[in-house]
Amino acid sequence: MPAHYLAWWNVENLFDEENAPETRRPDKVKRAIGKDIVGWTAQLRDRKISQLASVIVQMNDGAGPDLLGVCEVENRFVLDLLVDELASRPPRRRYAVVHADTDDARGIDVAFLFDPDRFEVPDGETFFHVVMRRNATREILQVNFRTKPGGRTWAVFGNHWPSRSGGQAESAGYRHIAGETLSYFHQRALEVHGPATPVLAMGDFNDEPFDPSLTRHALSTRQQRKVTSADSQPLLWNLMWPVMGAPEGSFYFDNQPNVLDQILVNKNMAAADSPLTVVADSVQILRFPGMT
């Protein structure tokens, strides 16, 4: 099976222009983000998309990712603009899109861009799992991709867990629920598609690898052997633990690095002899010249 290059990016408020047609922005979203998009023009939107694309095409030694998960995108329209921009730049890959049009209060969604020559999405194999909050919902996007060649089912979960707004401790319960939701549908994927199904979860979890939402509720661990030997409960191997000791993070708050963006795999990707296995030491936080 060919090697697949995967990436995740919170693209931070990729909104459409301020006066976008009402058919693309519900009233409740317009009220929620009104102050955030004052003065946000089509020209500024397109410049942001151009900058994002300039980074994405550098991934994978200039070949671009085979599968890219993103969050904080407002709608399918801006995703299509990004796809068009990527197709205009070498290596000129034309990505397909799976988009979760969620009920998030700020209208920020999760999506996958993928190479249709590498993967396909069978009908009925895309799911949106609601993570309830008191004042809004966020959804975990599950896509049961089928690899090309081989036709292997691969359950991939895109995550953007509830934020730390209001305080890390005060909001922790919401992320605990998100962790439980991910763990439940990880197990359901194995029940529906078989115990040998490879599972990958990636996203902005708004918590560190050591936080209870990841360890206790999503059932993730830093120990590969613990994941591969688990029988009673399906565990996830969090590949970001080695990065924790590095001086850089995937997100900075008060100029302090955090590792909130993570990639996790189940036993069917953690074992060295699995048909679809992860190269653990290939995981890294990318920083290309010109990025802030």
C-alpha atoms as a PDB file:
ATOM      1  CA  MET A   1       0.000   0.000   0.000  1.00  0.00           C
ATOM      2  CA  PRO A   2       1.374   3.468  -0.826  1.00  0.00           C
ATOM      3  CA  ALA A   3       2.396   5.873   1.919  1.00  0.00           C
ATOM      4  CA  HIS A   4      -0.169   8.544   2.786  1.00  0.00           C
ATOM      5  CA  TYR A   5       0.795  12.005   4.036  1.00  0.00           C
ATOM      6  CA  LEU A   6      -1.714  13.403   6.531  1.00  0.00           C
ATOM      7  CA  ALA A   7      -1.979  16.849   8.072  1.00  0.00           C
ATOM      8  CA  TRP A   8      -4.234  18.863  10.361  1.00  0.00           C
ATOM      9  CA  TRP A   9      -4.649  22.636  10.597  1.00  0.00           C
ATOM     10  CA  ASN A  10      -6.908  24.952  12.563  1.00  0.00           C
ATOM     11  CA  VAL A  11      -7.085  27.703   9.942  1.00  0.00           C
ATOM     12  CA  GLU A  12      -8.453  30.232  12.458  1.00  0.00           C
ATOM     13  CA  ASN A  13     -11.690  31.909  11.457  1.00  0.00           C
ATOM     14  CA  LEU A  14     -11.722  31.317   7.726  1.00  0.00           C
ATOM     15  CA  PHE A  15     -14.879  33.380   7.284  1.00  0.00           C
ATOM     16  CA  ASP A  16     -16.582  34.569   4.147  1.00  0.00           C
ATOM     17  CA  GLU A  17     -16.701  38.334   3.578  1.00  0.00           C
ATOM     18  CA  GLU A  18     -18.706  40.568   5.916  1.00  0.00           C
ATOM     19  CA  ASN A  19     -21.603  41.093   3.517  1.00  0.00           C
ATOM     20  CA  ALA A  20     -21.800  37.551   2.205  1.00  0.00           C
ATOM     21  CA  PRO A  21     -25.221  36.612   0.791  1.00  0.00           C
ATOM     22  CA  GLU A  22     -27.654  35.652   3.529  1.00  0.00           C
ATOM     23  CA  THR A  23     -28.141  32.233   1.950  1.00  0.00           C
ATOM     24  CA  ARG A  24     -24.607  31.386   3.082  1.00  0.00           C
ATOM     25  CA  ARG A  25     -24.785  32.783   6.621  1.00  0.00           C
ATOM     26  CA  PRO A  26     -27.686  32.067   9.002  1.00  0.00           C
ATOM     27  CA  ASP A  27     -28.933  34.995  11.091  1.00  0.00           C
ATOM     28  CA  LYS A  28     -27.788  33.443  14.370  1.00  0.00           C
ATOM     29  CA  VAL A  29     -24.254  33.053  13.036  1.00  0.00           C
ATOM     30  CA  LYS A  30     -24.276  36.605  11.720  1.00  0.00           C
ATOM     31  CA  ARG A  31     -25.196  37.859  15.193  1.00  0.00           C
ATOM     32  CA  ALA A  32     -22.542  35.721  16.883  1.00  0.00           C
ATOM     33  CA  ILE A  33     -19.634  36.774  14.671  1.00  0.00           C
ATOM     34  CA  GLY A  34     -20.785  40.273  13.740  1.00  0.00           C
ATOM     35  CA  LYS A  35     -17.952  42.065  15.538  1.00  0.00           C
ATOM     36  CA  ASP A  36     -15.362  39.581  14.314  1.00  0.00           C
ATOM     37  CA  ILE A  37     -15.964  40.255  10.626  1.00  0.00           C
ATOM     38  CA  VAL A  38     -16.405  44.029  10.564  1.00  0.00           C
ATOM     39  CA  GLY A  39     -14.330  45.190   7.619  1.00  0.00           C
ATOM     40  CA  TRP A  40     -13.626  41.639   6.462  1.00  0.00           C
ATOM     41  CA  THR A  41     -13.734  41.991   2.669  1.00  0.00           C
ATOM     42  CA  ALA A  42     -13.559  39.534  -0.189  1.00  0.00           C
ATOM     43  CA  GLN A  43     -10.032  40.783  -0.861  1.00  0.00           C
ATOM     44  CA  LEU A  44      -8.898  40.036   2.706  1.00  0.00           C
ATOM     45  CA  ARG A  45     -10.607  36.643   2.588  1.00  0.00           C
ATOM     46  CA  ASP A  46      -8.854  35.766  -0.668  1.00  0.00           C
ATOM     47  CA  ARG A  47      -5.493  36.927   0.694  1.00  0.00           C
ATOM     48  CA  LYS A  48      -5.919  34.627   3.702  1.00  0.00           C
ATOM     49  CA  ILE A  49      -6.812  31.740   1.409  1.00  0.00           C
ATOM     50  CA  SER A  50      -3.749  32.459  -0.727  1.00  0.00           C
ATOM     51  CA  GLN A  51      -1.522  32.444   2.346  1.00  0.00           C
ATOM     52  CA  LEU A  52      -3.010  29.174   3.597  1.00  0.00           C
ATOM     53  CA  ALA A  53      -2.505  27.568   0.198  1.00  0.00           C
ATOM     54  CA  SER A  54       1.113  28.755   0.057  1.00  0.00           C
ATOM     55  CA  VAL A  55       1.808  26.695   3.179  1.00  0.00           C
ATOM     56  CA  ILE A  56      -0.279  23.632   2.305  1.00  0.00           C
ATOM     57  CA  VAL A  57       1.516  23.078  -1.020  1.00  0.00           C
ATOM     58  CA  GLN A  58       4.870  23.004   0.812  1.00  0.00           C
ATOM     59  CA  MET A  59       3.805  19.981   2.845  1.00  0.00           C
ATOM     60  CA  ASN A  60       5.014  16.515   1.883  1.00  0.00           C
ATOM     61  CA  ASP A  61       8.218  17.906   0.317  1.00  0.00           C
ATOM     62  CA  GLY A  62       6.222  20.063  -2.053  1.00  0.00           C
ATOM     63  CA  ALA A  63       3.753  17.378  -3.114  1.00  0.00           C
ATOM     64  CA  GLY A  64       0.999  18.587  -0.780  1.00  0.00           C
ATOM     65  CA  PRO A  65      -0.894  16.386   1.711  1.00  0.00           C
ATOM     66  CA  ASP A  66      -2.949  13.405   0.608  1.00  0.00           C
ATOM     67  CA  LEU A  67      -5.465  14.085   3.380  1.00  0.00           C
ATOM     68  CA  LEU A  68      -5.822  17.397   5.202  1.00  0.00           C
ATOM     69  CA  GLY A  69      -8.164  17.989   8.126  1.00  0.00           C
ATOM     70  CA  VAL A  70      -9.132  21.581   8.881  1.00  0.00           C
ATOM     71  CA  CYS A  71     -11.358  23.410  11.342  1.00  0.00           C
ATOM     72  CA  GLU A  72     -12.706  26.922  11.838  1.00  0.00           C
ATOM     73  CA  VAL A  73     -14.040  27.186   8.298  1.00  0.00           C
ATOM     74  CA  GLU A  74     -17.352  28.983   7.929  1.00  0.00           C
ATOM     75  CA  ASN A  75     -18.873  27.140   4.981  1.00  0.00           C
ATOM     76  CA  ARG A  76     -18.386  25.067   1.871  1.00  0.00           C
ATOM     77  CA  PHE A  77     -17.954  28.213  -0.235  1.00  0.00           C
ATOM     78  CA  VAL A  78     -14.648  29.201   1.395  1.00  0.00           C
ATOM     79  CA  LEU A  79     -13.474  25.584   1.250  1.00  0.00           C
ATOM     80  CA  ASP A  80     -14.104  25.520  -2.492  1.00  0.00           C
ATOM     81  CA  LEU A  81     -12.112  28.745  -2.838  1.00  0.00           C
ATOM     82  CA  LEU A  82      -9.232  27.080  -1.000  1.00  0.00           C
ATOM     83  CA  VAL A  83      -9.475  23.993  -3.224  1.00  0.00           C
ATOM     84  CA  ASP A  84      -9.409  26.185  -6.340  1.00  0.00           C
ATOM     85  CA  GLU A  85      -6.375  28.077  -5.046  1.00  0.00           C
ATOM     86  CA  LEU A  86      -4.526  24.835  -4.312  1.00  0.00           C
ATOM     87  CA  ALA A  87      -5.322  23.549  -7.794  1.00  0.00           C
ATOM     88  CA  SER A  88      -3.778  26.697  -9.292  1.00  0.00           C
ATOM     89  CA  ARG A  89      -0.421  26.119  -7.565  1.00  0.00           C
ATOM     90  CA  PRO A  90       2.138  23.396  -8.209  1.00  0.00           C
ATOM     91  CA  PRO A  91       1.719  20.460  -7.755  1.00  0.00           C
ATOM     92  CA  ARG A  92      -1.846  21.460  -8.850  1.00  0.00           C
ATOM     93  CA  ARG A  93      -3.694  18.797  -6.923  1.00  0.00           C
ATOM     94  CA  ARG A  94      -7.460  18.943  -7.164  1.00  0.00           C
ATOM     95  CA  TYR A  95      -8.838  17.979  -3.767  1.00  0.00           C
ATOM     96  CA  ALA A  96     -12.291  16.666  -2.970  1.00  0.00           C
ATOM     97  CA  VAL A  97     -14.075  17.930   0.150  1.00  0.00           C
ATOM     98  CA  VAL A  98     -16.064  16.427   3.009  1.00  0.00           C
ATOM     99  CA  HIS A  99     -17.583  19.198   5.111  1.00  0.00           C
ATOM    100  CA  ALA A 100     -19.529  19.091   8.374  1.00  0.00           C
ATOM    101  CA  ASP A 101     -22.030  21.959   8.267  1.00  0.00           C
ATOM    102  CA  THR A 102     -22.475  22.136  12.031  1.00  0.00           C
ATOM    103  CA  ASP A 103     -24.673  24.069  14.429  1.00  0.00           C
ATOM    104  CA  ASP A 104     -21.720  25.704  16.140  1.00  0.00           C
ATOM    105  CA  ALA A 105     -22.755  29.118  17.465  1.00  0.00           C
ATOM    106  CA  ARG A 106     -19.990  30.878  15.520  1.00  0.00           C
ATOM    107  CA  GLY A 107     -20.555  28.819  12.390  1.00  0.00           C
ATOM    108  CA  ILE A 108     -17.057  27.309  12.354  1.00  0.00           C
ATOM    109  CA  ASP A 109     -16.923  23.833  10.900  1.00  0.00           C
ATOM    110  CA  VAL A 110     -14.647  20.816  10.439  1.00  0.00           C
ATOM    111  CA  ALA A 111     -13.754  19.446   7.012  1.00  0.00           C
ATOM    112  CA  PHE A 112     -11.421  17.111   5.141  1.00  0.00           C
ATOM    113  CA  LEU A 113      -9.663  17.852   1.874  1.00  0.00           C
ATOM    114  CA  PHE A 114      -8.540  14.628   0.244  1.00  0.00           C
ATOM    115  CA  ASP A 115      -7.002  13.347  -2.954  1.00  0.00           C
ATOM    116  CA  PRO A 116      -9.712  11.380  -4.805  1.00  0.00           C
ATOM    117  CA  ASP A 117      -6.989   9.306  -6.457  1.00  0.00           C
ATOM    118  CA  ARG A 118      -6.018   8.044  -2.982  1.00  0.00           C
ATOM    119  CA  PHE A 119      -9.359   7.823  -1.193  1.00  0.00           C
ATOM    120  CA  GLU A 120     -13.044   7.630  -1.857  1.00  0.00           C
ATOM    121  CA  VAL A 121     -16.038   8.253   0.391  1.00  0.00           C
ATOM    122  CA  PRO A 122     -18.778   5.642  -0.117  1.00  0.00           C
ATOM    123  CA  ASP A 123     -22.369   6.794   0.096  1.00  0.00           C
ATOM    124  CA  GLY A 124     -23.682   6.784   3.651  1.00  0.00           C
ATOM    125  CA  GLU A 125     -20.228   6.682   5.262  1.00  0.00           C
ATOM    126  CA  THR A 126     -20.050  10.281   6.536  1.00  0.00           C
ATOM    127  CA  PHE A 127     -21.343  11.033  10.036  1.00  0.00           C
ATOM    128  CA  PHE A 128     -21.684  14.101  12.248  1.00  0.00           C
ATOM    129  CA  HIS A 129     -21.553  13.301  15.973  1.00  0.00           C
ATOM    130  CA  VAL A 130     -22.977  16.081  18.120  1.00  0.00           C
ATOM    131  CA  VAL A 131     -21.076  17.177  21.224  1.00  0.00           C
ATOM    132  CA  MET A 132     -23.639  18.952  23.384  1.00  0.00           C
ATOM    133  CA  ARG A 133     -22.891  22.109  25.312  1.00  0.00           C
ATOM    134  CA  ARG A 134     -25.107  24.435  27.287  1.00  0.00           C
ATOM    135  CA  ASN A 135     -24.893  27.229  24.736  1.00  0.00           C
ATOM    136  CA  ALA A 136     -23.918  25.580  21.453  1.00  0.00           C
ATOM    137  CA  THR A 137     -22.950  22.345  19.759  1.00  0.00           C
ATOM    138  CA  ARG A 138     -19.858  21.149  18.030  1.00  0.00           C
ATOM    139  CA  GLU A 139     -19.697  18.011  15.981  1.00  0.00           C
ATOM    140  CA  ILE A 140     -17.061  15.368  15.409  1.00  0.00           C
ATOM    141  CA  LEU A 141     -16.805  14.593  11.704  1.00  0.00           C
ATOM    142  CA  GLN A 142     -16.388  10.878  10.987  1.00  0.00           C
ATOM    143  CA  VAL A 143     -15.604   9.717   7.470  1.00  0.00           C
ATOM    144  CA  ASN A 144     -15.175   6.042   6.671  1.00  0.00           C
ATOM    145  CA  PHE A 145     -12.792   6.460   3.773  1.00  0.00           C
ATOM    146  CA  ARG A 146     -11.977   3.637   1.405  1.00  0.00           C
ATOM    147  CA  THR A 147      -8.336   3.528   0.383  1.00  0.00           C
ATOM    148  CA  LYS A 148      -7.138   3.261  -3.206  1.00  0.00           C
ATOM    149  CA  PRO A 149      -5.938   0.746  -4.142  1.00  0.00           C
ATOM    150  CA  GLY A 150      -7.096  -2.022  -1.858  1.00  0.00           C
ATOM    151  CA  GLY A 151     -10.512  -0.765  -0.819  1.00  0.00           C
ATOM    152  CA  ARG A 152      -9.723  -0.853   2.904  1.00  0.00           C
ATOM    153  CA  THR A 153     -12.166   0.924   5.200  1.00  0.00           C
ATOM    154  CA  TRP A 154     -10.406   3.591   7.251  1.00  0.00           C
ATOM    155  CA  ALA A 155     -12.397   5.451   9.917  1.00  0.00           C
ATOM    156  CA  VAL A 156     -11.050   8.997  10.315  1.00  0.00           C
ATOM    157  CA  PHE A 157     -12.408  11.437  12.906  1.00  0.00           C
ATOM    158  CA  GLY A 158     -11.960  15.203  12.587  1.00  0.00           C
ATOM    159  CA  ASN A 159     -12.228  16.989  15.938  1.00  0.00           C
ATOM    160  CA  HIS A 160     -12.607  20.556  17.142  1.00  0.00           C
ATOM    161  CA  TRP A 161     -13.462  20.240  20.802  1.00  0.00           C
ATOM    162  CA  PRO A 162     -15.164  22.966  22.889  1.00  0.00           C
ATOM    163  CA  SER A 163     -12.903  25.889  23.664  1.00  0.00           C
ATOM    164  CA  ARG A 164     -11.434  26.994  26.988  1.00  0.00           C
ATOM    165  CA  SER A 165     -13.429  30.220  26.963  1.00  0.00           C
ATOM    166  CA  GLY A 166     -14.669  31.008  30.456  1.00  0.00           C
ATOM    167  CA  GLY A 167     -11.663  29.227  31.960  1.00  0.00           C
ATOM    168  CA  GLN A 168      -9.843  25.963  31.371  1.00  0.00           C
ATOM    169  CA  ALA A 169     -11.240  24.262  34.485  1.00  0.00           C
ATOM    170  CA  GLU A 170     -14.723  25.737  34.101  1.00  0.00           C
ATOM    171  CA  SER A 171     -15.023  24.471  30.507  1.00  0.00           C
ATOM    172  CA  ALA A 172     -13.285  21.108  31.032  1.00  0.00           C
ATOM    173  CA  GLY A 173     -16.551  19.191  31.356  1.00  0.00           C
ATOM    174  CA  TYR A 174     -17.495  20.021  27.788  1.00  0.00           C
ATOM    175  CA  ARG A 175     -14.274  18.504  26.502  1.00  0.00           C
ATOM    176  CA  HIS A 176     -14.817  15.464  28.710  1.00  0.00           C
ATOM    177  CA  ILE A 177     -18.097  14.936  26.855  1.00  0.00           C
ATOM    178  CA  ALA A 178     -16.267  15.316  23.553  1.00  0.00           C
ATOM    179  CA  GLY A 179     -13.759  12.678  24.641  1.00  0.00           C
ATOM    180  CA  GLU A 180     -16.551  10.283  25.592  1.00  0.00           C
ATOM    181  CA  THR A 181     -18.211  10.913  22.222  1.00  0.00           C
ATOM    182  CA  LEU A 182     -15.026  10.123  20.315  1.00  0.00           C
ATOM    183  CA  SER A 183     -14.393   6.979  22.354  1.00  0.00           C
ATOM    184  CA  TYR A 184     -17.949   5.737  21.829  1.00  0.00           C
ATOM    185  CA  PHE A 185     -17.853   6.127  18.045  1.00  0.00           C
ATOM    186  CA  HIS A 186     -14.362   4.630  17.890  1.00  0.00           C
ATOM    187  CA  GLN A 187     -15.861   1.506  19.422  1.00  0.00           C
ATOM    188  CA  ARG A 188     -18.910   1.678  17.117  1.00  0.00           C
ATOM    189  CA  ALA A 189     -16.623   1.809  14.069  1.00  0.00           C
ATOM    190  CA  LEU A 190     -15.031  -1.461  15.185  1.00  0.00           C
ATOM    191  CA  GLU A 191     -18.422  -3.049  15.815  1.00  0.00           C
ATOM    192  CA  VAL A 192     -19.827  -2.034  12.433  1.00  0.00           C
ATOM    193  CA  HIS A 193     -16.789  -2.512  10.190  1.00  0.00           C
ATOM    194  CA  GLY A 194     -14.970  -5.206  12.115  1.00  0.00           C
ATOM    195  CA  PRO A 195     -12.382  -5.356  14.907  1.00  0.00           C
ATOM    196  CA  ALA A 196      -9.488  -4.972  12.450  1.00  0.00           C
ATOM    197  CA  THR A 197     -10.668  -1.545  11.245  1.00  0.00           C
ATOM    198  CA  PRO A 198      -7.923   1.113  11.356  1.00  0.00           C
ATOM    199  CA  VAL A 199      -9.022   4.299  13.141  1.00  0.00           C
ATOM    200  CA  LEU A 200      -7.370   7.717  13.190  1.00  0.00           C
ATOM    201  CA  ALA A 201      -8.477  10.808  15.111  1.00  0.00           C
ATOM    202  CA  MET A 202      -6.957  14.209  14.525  1.00  0.00           C
ATOM    203  CA  GLY A 203      -7.903  17.727  15.411  1.00  0.00           C
ATOM    204  CA  ASP A 204      -7.788  20.699  17.717  1.00  0.00           C
ATOM    205  CA  PHE A 205      -8.738  19.158  21.049  1.00  0.00           C
ATOM    206  CA  ASN A 206      -8.328  22.367  23.073  1.00  0.00           C
ATOM    207  CA  ASP A 207      -6.575  20.227  25.687  1.00  0.00           C
ATOM    208  CA  GLU A 208      -3.091  18.834  26.072  1.00  0.00           C
ATOM    209  CA  PRO A 209      -2.282  15.109  25.621  1.00  0.00           C
ATOM    210  CA  PHE A 210      -2.119  14.671  29.414  1.00  0.00           C
ATOM    211  CA  ASP A 211      -5.519  16.243  30.178  1.00  0.00           C
ATOM    212  CA  PRO A 212      -8.341  13.956  31.406  1.00  0.00           C
ATOM    213  CA  SER A 213     -10.467  14.596  28.323  1.00  0.00           C
ATOM    214  CA  LEU A 214      -7.833  12.775  26.266  1.00  0.00           C
ATOM    215  CA  THR A 215      -6.538  10.201  28.740  1.00  0.00           C
ATOM    216  CA  ARG A 216      -9.597   9.274  30.796  1.00  0.00           C
ATOM    217  CA  HIS A 217     -12.480   9.985  28.418  1.00  0.00           C
ATOM    218  CA  ALA A 218     -11.085   9.480  24.908  1.00  0.00           C
ATOM    219  CA  LEU A 219      -8.998   6.579  26.267  1.00  0.00           C
ATOM    220  CA  SER A 220      -5.721   7.762  24.775  1.00  0.00           C
ATOM    221  CA  THR A 221      -2.241   7.011  26.052  1.00  0.00           C
ATOM    222  CA  ARG A 222       1.413   7.611  25.254  1.00  0.00           C
ATOM    223  CA  GLN A 223       2.167   3.873  25.453  1.00  0.00           C
ATOM    224  CA  GLN A 224       2.099   2.045  22.134  1.00  0.00           C
ATOM    225  CA  ARG A 225       2.274  -1.384  23.750  1.00  0.00           C
ATOM    226  CA  LYS A 226      -0.717  -0.617  25.971  1.00  0.00           C
ATOM    227  CA  VAL A 227      -2.767   0.206  22.875  1.00  0.00           C
ATOM    228  CA  THR A 228      -1.726  -2.843  20.852  1.00  0.00           C
ATOM    229  CA  SER A 229      -2.343  -5.250  23.739  1.00  0.00           C
ATOM    230  CA  ALA A 230      -5.723  -3.834  24.823  1.00  0.00           C
ATOM    231  CA  ASP A 231      -8.597  -6.310  24.649  1.00  0.00           C
ATOM    232  CA  SER A 232     -11.479  -5.035  26.757  1.00  0.00           C
ATOM    233  CA  GLN A 233     -11.535  -1.385  25.615  1.00  0.00           C
ATOM    234  CA  PRO A 234     -10.299   0.119  22.354  1.00  0.00           C
ATOM    235  CA  LEU A 235      -7.542   2.600  23.201  1.00  0.00           C
ATOM    236  CA  LEU A 236      -5.895   5.332  21.149  1.00  0.00           C
ATOM    237  CA  TRP A 237      -2.169   5.949  20.875  1.00  0.00           C
ATOM    238  CA  ASN A 238      -1.493   9.690  21.067  1.00  0.00           C
ATOM    239  CA  LEU A 239       1.433  10.377  18.752  1.00  0.00           C
ATOM    240  CA  MET A 240       2.047  13.887  20.067  1.00  0.00           C
ATOM    241  CA  TRP A 241       3.633  12.911  23.380  1.00  0.00           C
ATOM    242  CA  PRO A 242       7.230  13.080  22.046  1.00  0.00           C
ATOM    243  CA  VAL A 243       6.519  16.605  20.795  1.00  0.00           C
ATOM    244  CA  MET A 244       5.596  17.683  24.332  1.00  0.00           C
ATOM    245  CA  GLY A 245       9.271  18.000  25.209  1.00  0.00           C
ATOM    246  CA  ALA A 246      10.041  20.286  22.283  1.00  0.00           C
ATOM    247  CA  PRO A 247      10.310  24.062  22.782  1.00  0.00           C
ATOM    248  CA  GLU A 248       7.597  24.781  20.208  1.00  0.00           C
ATOM    249  CA  GLY A 249       3.868  24.097  20.281  1.00  0.00           C
ATOM    250  CA  SER A 250       1.001  24.004  17.817  1.00  0.00           C
ATOM    251  CA  PHE A 251      -0.722  26.933  19.553  1.00  0.00           C
ATOM    252  CA  TYR A 252       0.511  29.831  21.655  1.00  0.00           C
ATOM    253  CA  PHE A 253      -1.364  31.577  24.467  1.00  0.00           C
ATOM    254  CA  ASP A 254       0.299  34.423  26.375  1.00  0.00           C
ATOM    255  CA  ASN A 255       3.399  33.505  24.377  1.00  0.00           C
ATOM    256  CA  GLN A 256       3.459  30.024  25.940  1.00  0.00           C
ATOM    257  CA  PRO A 257       3.443  26.952  23.666  1.00  0.00           C
ATOM    258  CA  ASN A 258       0.611  24.439  23.899  1.00  0.00           C
ATOM    259  CA  VAL A 259       0.092  21.142  22.083  1.00  0.00           C
ATOM    260  CA  LEU A 260      -3.660  21.316  21.511  1.00  0.00           C
ATOM    261  CA  ASP A 261      -3.537  19.828  18.003  1.00  0.00           C
ATOM    262  CA  GLN A 262      -2.980  16.091  18.051  1.00  0.00           C
ATOM    263  CA  ILE A 263      -3.061  12.879  16.039  1.00  0.00           C
ATOM    264  CA  LEU A 264      -4.185   9.582  17.588  1.00  0.00           C
ATOM    265  CA  VAL A 265      -4.433   6.062  16.163  1.00  0.00           C
ATOM    266  CA  ASN A 266      -5.936   2.785  17.331  1.00  0.00           C
ATOM    267  CA  LYS A 267      -4.273  -0.613  17.656  1.00  0.00           C
ATOM    268  CA  ASN A 268      -4.916  -1.427  14.013  1.00  0.00           C
ATOM    269  CA  MET A 269      -2.585   1.397  13.022  1.00  0.00           C
ATOM    270  CA  ALA A 270      -0.200   1.142  15.986  1.00  0.00           C
ATOM    271  CA  ALA A 271       1.000  -2.421  15.338  1.00  0.00           C
ATOM    272  CA  ALA A 272       4.039  -2.648  13.068  1.00  0.00           C
ATOM    273  CA  ASP A 273       2.538  -5.508  11.051  1.00  0.00           C
ATOM    274  CA  SER A 274      -0.808  -3.811  10.385  1.00  0.00           C
ATOM    275  CA  PRO A 275      -1.828  -3.367   6.730  1.00  0.00           C
ATOM    276  CA  LEU A 276      -2.294   0.368   7.390  1.00  0.00           C
ATOM    277  CA  THR A 277       0.303   1.393   9.955  1.00  0.00           C
ATOM    278  CA  VAL A 278       1.551   4.739  11.212  1.00  0.00           C
ATOM    279  CA  VAL A 279       5.164   5.880  11.037  1.00  0.00           C
ATOM    280  CA  ALA A 280       5.338   7.239  14.566  1.00  0.00           C
ATOM    281  CA  ASP A 281       8.490   9.326  14.335  1.00  0.00           C
ATOM    282  CA  SER A 282       7.188  11.105  11.233  1.00  0.00           C
ATOM    283  CA  VAL A 283       4.786  13.213  13.307  1.00  0.00           C
ATOM    284  CA  GLN A 284       5.899  16.819  13.642  1.00  0.00           C
ATOM    285  CA  ILE A 285       4.744  20.402  14.008  1.00  0.00           C
ATOM    286  CA  LEU A 286       5.509  22.177  10.755  1.00  0.00           C
ATOM    287  CA  ARG A 287       6.913  25.681  10.601  1.00  0.00           C
ATOM    288  CA  PHE A 288       7.837  26.920   7.152  1.00  0.00           C
ATOM    289  CA  PRO A 289       9.631  30.211   6.452  1.00  0.00           C
ATOM    290  CA  GLY A 290       7.226  33.119   6.619  1.00  0.00           C
ATOM    291  CA  MET A 291       4.835  31.463   9.056  1.00  0.00           C
ATOM    292  CA  THR A 292       4.033  33.140  12.370  1.00  0.00           C
END
